Amino acid sequence: MNIIDQLETLGLNGRQAKVYLALLQLGSASAIEIAKATRFKHPTVYDVLDILKERRLVSETFEGGRKRFSAENPNRLRQAEEERRRTLEELLPDLQALYDGGRRRPRVRVYLGSEGMEVVDEELLNVRSGEYFYFGGVREMIQNSSEEHLSDYYRKRISRGIWSNAIRVRGAENDLEYMRGGENHLRRVRYLPKPILENSAGLYLYDDRIAVISAWKENYAMIIESNELSLLLKTIWNCMWEIAVEP
């Protein structure tokens, strides 16, 4: 990643980054000098300078009746990031309240490919209740990702003290140590007493969300945010847990 790309991650577009870099090198320059250094047209240079002045990255002075421009100290970029972070921290509770208040309507998100599993994993590792519930088999999980990913996820889950409650399918198991039940693995496991259709999607229940993951053929993940549906499926999960057998 070059310096232009890096500045773009800080909120400067390509033209703004090039003008700012030119001024850092020139020290002080007129709009004509900046246009020559960047090969931008004069109106473009003035438009970019106006934006950089608003962001307090460029200052303007007069010398001999002519405008000259100088780049502010690059530390200003750090200060701007800190100011944005403080603003976000102050604003986030209000935004979260609006987001939570809008949950009267269910939300559905669909992801294709491996991205869906990554999103579900991230949400499971940040579950507010400290535990989640799922139905599926280890073989199906490996199909969704890999043993390396599962072991890395396992270490993160253990370090955060999150319990996993699993109703699994014996015919879809895999002899992996870190997928076993027990307090040391922070996992409760039971098995369905009778075989069911294998190669099915996995179902995860956490907070007020339901995640469905299918990688065998359809290769998607769907996350539903619905308090009522979550309560219904958790009730069904509890009934299945009662008839499931311990290892």
Foldseek 3Di string as FASTA:
>chain_A
DDPLVVVVVLPDHNVLSLLLVVQVVVFKAALVVSCVSSVNDSVSSVVSVVVCVVLVQKDWDDDPNGIMIHGDDPVSSVVVVVVVVVVCVVCVVVVVVVVVVPQQDKDKDKFFALVQVVVVLVCQLVFPVLEKEKEEEPQQVCLSPHPVVVVVSQVSSVVSNHAYEYEYEVVRYDPDPLPDDDVSSNYFYFYQPDHDDHQAWMWMATDQKIWTAHRPPRGMIMIMRHNVVSVVVVVVVVVRVVNTGGD
